[in-house]
């Protein structure tokens, strides 16, 4: 097998809780993003942009999540609030934001799919650069107040929060589906 297939077959998510410093520096992040944007993009719309969350911004976002969680549920338990407080504690989180809105030629689902491809390609690029990564969303990706706080416009959506850092440990390989059980041949009636 060639290196590309070996890389694809070896890809796995590293849970955000297992990601530590160092994170990629700015130059490495830009190299990773340069690889990530080489995805299918029907119509050359570039229907994505990026938001980097690192350093003290992670704690500020965690505090905002706790405040918003309490607005949503004043009786939220301490464990849930701790989870929100620490939701963005990976050394680096890159929000992949799908730029959607009106487009006469390229349907919105195709543009959102392209942004999702960027998320996956960024996972691959992170691993290729020796980092671990995990693609997460969760309620903050859909909450209007948090989206406003992050500067996500009405015509945009979060495709994913890509958590990146140095793995403290590698997770065990999990069982993968057998493609033969998922493949059917279409036959005309």
Protein backbone atom coordinates (compact mmCIF):
# COMPACT_ATOMS: atom_id res chain seq x y z
CA UNK A 1 0.00 0.00 0.00
CA UNK A 2 1.15 3.53 -0.61
CA UNK A 3 1.59 6.17 2.09
CA UNK A 4 -1.79 7.80 1.41
CA UNK A 5 -3.73 4.58 1.95
CA UNK A 6 -1.62 3.75 5.00
CA UNK A 7 -2.43 7.19 6.43
CA UNK A 8 -6.16 6.85 5.75
CA UNK A 9 -6.24 3.37 7.26
CA UNK A 10 -4.35 4.57 10.34
CA UNK A 11 -6.49 7.63 11.06
CA UNK A 12 -8.17 7.74 14.42
CA UNK A 13 -9.51 10.42 16.68
CA UNK A 14 -7.63 11.25 19.84
CA UNK A 15 -10.18 12.30 22.49
CA UNK A 16 -9.82 15.96 23.39
CA UNK A 17 -9.13 15.00 27.02
CA UNK A 18 -5.97 13.24 25.83
CA UNK A 19 -4.59 16.27 23.98
CA UNK A 20 -1.79 18.27 25.61
CA UNK A 21 0.79 20.87 24.66
CA UNK A 22 2.52 21.53 22.43
CA UNK A 23 -0.06 22.58 19.88
CA UNK A 24 0.88 23.40 16.32
CA UNK A 25 2.49 26.80 15.94
CA UNK A 26 0.94 29.32 13.54
CA UNK A 27 3.10 28.24 10.57
CA UNK A 28 2.27 24.57 11.09
CA UNK A 29 -1.43 25.37 11.53
CA UNK A 30 -1.40 27.28 8.25
CA UNK A 31 0.29 24.32 6.54
CA UNK A 32 -2.38 22.02 7.98
CA UNK A 33 -5.14 24.34 6.77
CA UNK A 34 -3.52 24.53 3.33
CA UNK A 35 -3.86 20.74 3.13
CA UNK A 36 -7.40 20.84 4.56
CA UNK A 37 -8.76 23.23 1.92
CA UNK A 38 -7.84 20.83 -0.89
CA UNK A 39 -11.33 19.33 -0.70
CA UNK A 40 -14.09 19.05 -3.29
CA UNK A 41 -15.56 22.52 -3.73
CA UNK A 42 -18.13 22.54 -6.51
CA UNK A 43 -18.18 25.99 -8.10
CA UNK A 44 -15.03 27.13 -6.25
CA UNK A 45 -17.18 28.78 -3.58
CA UNK A 46 -14.75 28.26 -0.68
CA UNK A 47 -17.76 27.77 1.58
CA UNK A 48 -15.75 27.68 4.79
CA UNK A 49 -13.63 29.81 7.05
CA UNK A 50 -11.70 29.17 10.26
CA UNK A 51 -11.67 30.49 13.81
CA UNK A 52 -8.73 29.63 16.06
CA UNK A 53 -9.42 29.28 19.80
CA UNK A 54 -6.34 28.98 22.01
CA UNK A 55 -4.63 30.37 25.09
CA UNK A 56 -6.77 32.48 27.43
CA UNK A 57 -9.60 32.54 24.86
CA UNK A 58 -10.34 28.92 25.82
CA UNK A 59 -11.05 29.90 29.44
CA UNK A 60 -13.14 32.90 28.37
CA UNK A 61 -15.20 30.69 26.09
CA UNK A 62 -15.59 28.12 28.86
CA UNK A 63 -16.90 30.81 31.21
CA UNK A 64 -19.32 32.01 28.54
CA UNK A 65 -20.55 28.45 28.03
CA UNK A 66 -21.22 28.06 31.75
CA UNK A 67 -23.15 31.34 31.84
CA UNK A 68 -25.18 30.33 28.80
CA UNK A 69 -25.78 26.82 30.15
CA UNK A 70 -27.23 28.37 33.31
CA UNK A 71 -29.49 30.60 31.19
CA UNK A 72 -30.70 27.53 29.32
CA UNK A 73 -31.11 25.47 32.50
CA UNK A 74 -30.85 27.30 35.84
CA UNK A 75 -30.78 23.92 37.59
CA UNK A 76 -27.81 22.54 35.64
CA UNK A 77 -25.65 20.32 37.81
CA UNK A 78 -22.03 21.02 38.66
CA UNK A 79 -20.80 18.10 36.53
CA UNK A 80 -22.55 19.49 33.44
CA UNK A 81 -21.20 22.97 34.16
CA UNK A 82 -17.66 21.59 34.60
CA UNK A 83 -17.99 19.80 31.28
CA UNK A 84 -18.95 23.07 29.58
CA UNK A 85 -16.24 25.02 31.42
CA UNK A 86 -13.62 22.59 30.10
CA UNK A 87 -15.18 21.86 26.71
CA UNK A 88 -12.51 23.87 24.86
CA UNK A 89 -9.42 23.00 26.90
CA UNK A 90 -7.51 21.31 24.09
CA UNK A 91 -4.35 23.29 23.33
CA UNK A 92 -5.87 24.48 20.04
CA UNK A 93 -9.42 24.35 18.74
CA UNK A 94 -10.19 25.33 15.16
CA UNK A 95 -13.83 26.07 14.43
CA UNK A 96 -14.62 25.21 10.83
CA UNK A 97 -17.42 27.56 9.86
CA UNK A 98 -19.54 26.76 6.81
CA UNK A 99 -20.37 29.86 4.79
CA UNK A 100 -23.78 29.19 3.28
CA UNK A 101 -26.52 31.63 2.26
CA UNK A 102 -28.08 32.13 -1.13
CA UNK A 103 -26.38 30.66 -4.17
CA UNK A 104 -28.15 30.17 -7.50
CA UNK A 105 -25.92 27.34 -8.71
CA UNK A 106 -24.53 25.35 -5.77
CA UNK A 107 -27.08 23.92 -3.30
CA UNK A 108 -26.48 24.58 0.40
CA UNK A 109 -26.07 20.88 1.28
CA UNK A 110 -23.17 20.61 -1.19
CA UNK A 111 -21.45 23.62 0.35
CA UNK A 112 -21.97 22.29 3.88
CA UNK A 113 -20.63 18.92 2.76
CA UNK A 114 -17.50 20.68 1.49
CA UNK A 115 -17.01 22.29 4.92
CA UNK A 116 -17.38 18.85 6.53
CA UNK A 117 -14.74 17.53 4.14
CA UNK A 118 -12.44 20.31 5.42
CA UNK A 119 -13.03 19.04 8.97
CA UNK A 120 -11.97 15.53 7.99
CA UNK A 121 -9.01 16.75 5.96
CA UNK A 122 -7.87 18.85 8.93
CA UNK A 123 -7.95 15.72 11.11
CA UNK A 124 -5.76 13.99 8.52
CA UNK A 125 -3.40 16.96 8.27
CA UNK A 126 -3.04 17.17 12.05
CA UNK A 127 -2.14 13.49 12.23
CA UNK A 128 0.25 13.89 9.31
CA UNK A 129 2.05 16.65 11.23
CA UNK A 130 2.37 14.43 14.30
CA UNK A 131 -0.56 15.81 16.31
CA UNK A 132 -3.72 14.23 17.60
CA UNK A 133 -7.13 15.66 16.79
CA UNK A 134 -10.83 15.15 17.37
CA UNK A 135 -13.86 16.56 15.52
CA UNK A 136 -16.59 17.63 17.94
CA UNK A 137 -19.72 19.77 17.86
CA UNK A 138 -22.09 19.63 20.85
CA UNK A 139 -24.71 22.15 21.83
CA UNK A 140 -22.39 25.20 21.46
CA UNK A 141 -22.28 24.56 17.69
CA UNK A 142 -26.03 25.18 17.49
CA UNK A 143 -26.79 27.72 20.21
CA UNK A 144 -27.65 31.17 18.75
CA UNK A 145 -26.04 33.07 21.66
CA UNK A 146 -22.76 31.16 21.47
CA UNK A 147 -22.71 31.47 17.68
CA UNK A 148 -23.18 35.23 18.03
CA UNK A 149 -20.36 35.35 20.60
CA UNK A 150 -18.07 33.52 18.16
CA UNK A 151 -18.97 35.89 15.34
CA UNK A 152 -20.85 33.29 13.30
CA UNK A 153 -23.20 35.12 10.93
CA UNK A 154 -26.80 34.12 10.25
CA UNK A 155 -25.84 32.58 6.91
CA UNK A 156 -23.11 30.47 8.55
CA UNK A 157 -23.03 27.23 10.57
CA UNK A 158 -20.39 25.45 12.61
CA UNK A 159 -19.35 22.32 10.71
CA UNK A 160 -17.09 21.25 13.54
CA UNK A 161 -14.73 22.18 16.33
CA UNK A 162 -11.43 20.46 15.57
CA UNK A 163 -9.47 19.91 18.79
CA UNK A 164 -5.72 19.62 18.17
CA UNK A 165 -2.73 18.90 20.39
CA UNK A 166 -0.05 16.39 21.24
CA UNK A 167 -1.54 13.04 22.30
CA UNK A 168 -0.81 12.11 25.93
CA UNK A 169 -1.77 8.57 24.95
CA UNK A 170 -3.10 6.90 21.85
CA UNK A 171 -6.59 5.47 22.08
CA UNK A 172 -7.13 1.83 21.28
CA UNK A 173 -8.20 1.04 17.78
CA UNK A 174 -11.94 0.49 17.65
CA UNK A 175 -13.82 -1.98 15.51
CA UNK A 176 -14.65 -0.52 12.11
CA UNK A 177 -17.58 -1.49 9.89
CA UNK A 178 -17.09 -4.04 7.15
CA UNK A 179 -17.64 -2.22 3.85
CA UNK A 180 -18.83 -5.46 2.23
CA UNK A 181 -21.92 -5.36 4.49
CA UNK A 182 -22.65 -1.79 3.44
CA UNK A 183 -22.20 -2.12 -0.32
CA UNK A 184 -25.07 -2.92 -2.67
CA UNK A 185 -25.15 -3.07 -6.44
CA UNK A 186 -27.91 -1.08 -8.08
CA UNK A 187 -29.76 -2.95 -10.81
CA UNK A 188 -32.37 -1.40 -13.04
CA UNK A 189 -35.88 -2.75 -12.53
